[in-house]
Amino acid sequence: MEMTSSQIVSILDHKYPMVLIDSVTSIKRNKFCNAFKNLTYNEWFFPSHFKNNPIMPGSLQIEAFTQAVALPLMISENMQRDSKISVLLAGVDKVRFYESICPGDKLNIEVNIERIAMGIATSKVKGKVGGKLVSECMITYKIISV
């Protein structure tokens, strides 16, 4: 299944400029998510990070990753927001940055939810540009039934 930017916004309940995913190319509830962010020089962070060598801040890469992990945890079977579930970020571990992400790059985000047990979801996330690994981490969410 794919998701449009309007579907992503309705599930995450984020507003511009903090929505850091443009589209989802495939997703399966509680299993995986493949998403991407197209980066242009018009992104709000590039002019000041850094002036003569713009790169995507690592903290915003992590934010994009957390959004991509939250999506398969929060969707229902019919790809809508599951109103009975909320998630809280519990941890970000084993963060590694290998290459810079620059204007013109397409950041592909690959999420694999490795385990869900006792209300805790653990996932491995990889960021790739042009098929090359540029960053990765482990993200843990606490799943709350409301």
Foldseek 3Di string as FASTA:
>chain_A
DKDAPVQLCQQVVDDPPLAQWGIWPDAAALFKTKTKGAFACPRPCQCVCPPVFGFDDPVSVVSNQVSRVVLSPQADPVSHGDPQKDKDWDDKFPKDFADTHHHRWMWIKIKGFDDADPQKIKIKIFIDTPNHTGIIIITMMGMGGD
